Amino acid sequence: MKLQLGRKRRAISPFLATIILVVITLMVGGILYTQFRNIIVSQVKNPSMDLTDSNVAPNGETIVLSIKNDGNVPITLSKFVVTYGSGMNTFSFVAVGSSPANVTLISSPSGGASMQPGDILTAQMTTTFPIPEFNTFTVTAVGDQLARAFNIQA
């Protein structure tokens, strides 16, 4: 019986094997990254709101605002603060002490000051001071998770 000791099998070089393993590792890492990134990003809370529309009546005192919840968590607005020059008015959605609620909700999907992501709330308020035409004033919308100031031109 004859043994074949000198027979050689062809194999890939160690360099090529290393390159193949690195490419496979990078592909698997990329797939895992994209899968887990989507899961993590969807769980991060991002409260945000934006002013979608504003209107000041010709008398300069009545203001109508439309605020959109463009974040990914619910927001409950508590008040608006209107500032012009040295004048400042605070408008509340709910009665505070002896002060009654003084924001009129024109439209709200929830029927109140709460907004789900994507909801648009429209509110009306009347200041105690006139805002002259073509002047800029500031409205700060205050919610349970954030406050955002908007500069508006009358």
Protein backbone atom coordinates (compact mmCIF):
# COMPACT_ATOMS: atom_id res chain seq x y z
CA MET A 1 0.00 0.00 0.00
CA LYS A 2 1.37 3.33 -1.01
CA LEU A 3 0.94 6.51 1.11
CA GLN A 4 0.67 9.82 -0.63
CA LEU A 5 2.49 12.23 1.60
CA GLY A 6 3.58 14.71 -1.00
CA ARG A 7 0.13 15.60 -2.29
CA LYS A 8 -0.67 19.32 -1.89
CA ARG A 9 -4.11 20.86 -1.76
CA ARG A 10 -4.63 24.31 -3.14
CA ALA A 11 -5.87 26.91 -0.59
CA ILE A 12 -6.36 30.66 -0.51
CA SER A 13 -3.56 32.81 0.81
CA PRO A 14 -3.70 34.09 4.41
CA PHE A 15 -3.86 37.68 3.10
CA LEU A 16 -6.94 36.97 0.96
CA ALA A 17 -8.62 35.12 3.85
CA THR A 18 -8.06 38.13 6.11
CA ILE A 19 -9.59 40.50 3.53
CA ILE A 20 -12.66 38.28 3.14
CA LEU A 21 -13.18 38.08 6.93
CA VAL A 22 -12.88 41.88 7.28
CA VAL A 23 -15.45 42.46 4.51
CA ILE A 24 -17.90 39.98 6.06
CA THR A 25 -17.44 41.60 9.49
CA LEU A 26 -18.10 45.08 8.07
CA MET A 27 -21.23 43.90 6.26
CA VAL A 28 -22.67 42.26 9.38
CA GLY A 29 -21.77 45.34 11.45
CA GLY A 30 -23.49 47.64 8.94
CA ILE A 31 -26.67 45.55 8.95
CA LEU A 32 -26.78 45.47 12.76
CA TYR A 33 -26.10 49.23 12.96
CA THR A 34 -29.01 50.14 10.67
CA GLN A 35 -31.42 47.82 12.49
CA PHE A 36 -30.57 49.01 16.01
CA ARG A 37 -30.26 52.66 15.00
CA ASN A 38 -33.89 52.74 13.86
CA ILE A 39 -35.03 51.17 17.12
CA ILE A 40 -33.02 53.58 19.28
CA VAL A 41 -33.97 56.72 17.33
CA SER A 42 -37.68 55.90 17.54
CA GLN A 43 -37.42 55.64 21.35
CA VAL A 44 -35.68 59.00 21.89
CA LYS A 45 -38.12 61.65 23.13
CA ASN A 46 -38.03 64.79 21.05
CA PRO A 47 -40.55 67.43 22.15
CA SER A 48 -40.86 70.18 19.56
CA MET A 49 -43.42 72.69 18.34
CA ASP A 50 -43.58 75.15 15.49
CA LEU A 51 -45.71 78.16 14.60
CA THR A 52 -47.59 77.31 11.41
CA ASP A 53 -49.78 80.42 11.11
CA SER A 54 -50.36 83.74 12.86
CA ASN A 55 -52.84 86.53 12.35
CA VAL A 56 -53.15 89.88 14.10
CA ALA A 57 -56.51 91.64 13.78
CA PRO A 58 -56.57 95.23 12.44
CA ASN A 59 -57.16 96.54 15.99
CA GLY A 60 -53.71 95.16 16.91
CA GLU A 61 -55.04 93.43 20.02
CA THR A 62 -56.57 90.13 18.87
CA ILE A 63 -54.03 87.46 17.92
CA VAL A 64 -54.76 84.05 16.37
CA LEU A 65 -51.97 81.45 16.43
CA SER A 66 -51.67 77.94 15.03
CA ILE A 67 -49.07 75.78 16.77
CA LYS A 68 -48.02 72.35 15.46
CA ASN A 69 -46.54 69.58 17.58
CA ASP A 70 -43.76 68.46 15.24
CA GLY A 71 -42.00 66.32 17.85
CA ASN A 72 -42.59 62.67 18.65
CA VAL A 73 -44.16 63.01 22.13
CA PRO A 74 -47.43 64.58 23.33
CA ILE A 75 -47.27 68.19 24.55
CA THR A 76 -49.73 69.98 26.82
CA LEU A 77 -49.63 73.75 26.47
CA SER A 78 -50.19 75.73 29.67
CA LYS A 79 -49.88 79.34 28.54
CA PHE A 80 -48.85 81.91 25.96
CA VAL A 81 -46.82 84.98 26.91
CA VAL A 82 -47.14 87.95 24.51
CA THR A 83 -44.43 90.61 24.76
CA TYR A 84 -44.23 93.90 22.88
CA GLY A 85 -41.89 96.68 24.04
CA SER A 86 -42.46 97.05 27.79
CA GLY A 87 -45.91 95.41 27.62
CA MET A 88 -46.44 91.78 28.53
CA ASN A 89 -49.60 89.65 28.78
CA THR A 90 -49.84 86.08 29.98
CA PHE A 91 -52.67 83.94 28.62
CA SER A 92 -53.52 80.69 30.40
CA PHE A 93 -55.34 77.64 29.11
CA VAL A 94 -56.63 76.87 32.61
CA ALA A 95 -57.77 79.04 35.50
CA VAL A 96 -54.87 80.02 37.81
CA GLY A 97 -55.96 81.22 41.26
CA SER A 98 -58.53 83.96 40.77
CA SER A 99 -57.55 84.51 37.12
CA PRO A 100 -59.84 82.74 34.65
CA ALA A 101 -58.60 80.92 31.58
CA ASN A 102 -58.21 83.57 28.89
CA VAL A 103 -57.20 81.63 25.78
CA THR A 104 -59.97 80.77 23.35
CA LEU A 105 -59.35 77.47 21.55
CA ILE A 106 -60.54 77.74 17.96
CA SER A 107 -59.55 74.23 16.98
CA SER A 108 -57.82 71.41 18.80
CA PRO A 109 -57.92 67.70 17.87
CA SER A 110 -58.02 66.73 21.55
CA GLY A 111 -60.55 69.41 22.50
CA GLY A 112 -58.06 70.90 24.99
CA ALA A 113 -54.52 72.16 25.26
CA SER A 114 -52.99 68.70 24.71
CA MET A 115 -51.43 67.91 21.34
CA GLN A 116 -50.36 64.53 20.03
CA PRO A 117 -47.45 64.41 17.54
CA GLY A 118 -48.60 66.02 14.29
CA ASP A 119 -51.59 67.84 15.85
CA ILE A 120 -52.22 71.54 15.15
CA LEU A 121 -53.82 73.71 17.84
CA THR A 122 -55.33 77.09 16.93
CA ALA A 123 -55.92 79.60 19.72
CA GLN A 124 -57.08 83.19 20.00
CA MET A 125 -56.17 85.77 22.63
CA THR A 126 -56.72 89.51 23.11
CA THR A 127 -53.93 91.68 24.54
CA THR A 128 -54.43 94.70 26.79
CA PHE A 129 -52.18 96.76 24.52
CA PRO A 130 -52.34 97.34 20.76
CA ILE A 131 -49.52 96.09 18.57
CA PRO A 132 -48.94 98.61 15.77
CA GLU A 133 -49.01 97.31 12.22
CA PHE A 134 -45.64 96.17 10.77
CA ASN A 135 -44.05 95.86 14.23
CA THR A 136 -42.57 92.68 15.63
CA PHE A 137 -43.71 91.13 18.90
CA THR A 138 -42.81 87.91 20.70
CA VAL A 139 -45.11 85.06 21.65
CA THR A 140 -43.73 82.37 23.93
CA ALA A 141 -45.67 79.10 23.96
CA VAL A 142 -45.11 77.28 27.25
CA GLY A 143 -45.79 73.55 27.49
CA ASP A 144 -45.19 70.78 29.99
CA GLN A 145 -41.93 69.72 28.32
CA LEU A 146 -40.67 72.84 26.57
CA ALA A 147 -41.13 76.55 25.92
CA ARG A 148 -40.58 78.11 22.52
CA ALA A 149 -40.50 81.80 21.56
CA PHE A 150 -41.73 83.02 18.17
CA ASN A 151 -41.10 86.48 16.74
CA ILE A 152 -44.16 87.61 14.77
CA GLN A 153 -44.70 90.67 12.62
CA ALA A 154 -48.10 92.36 13.04
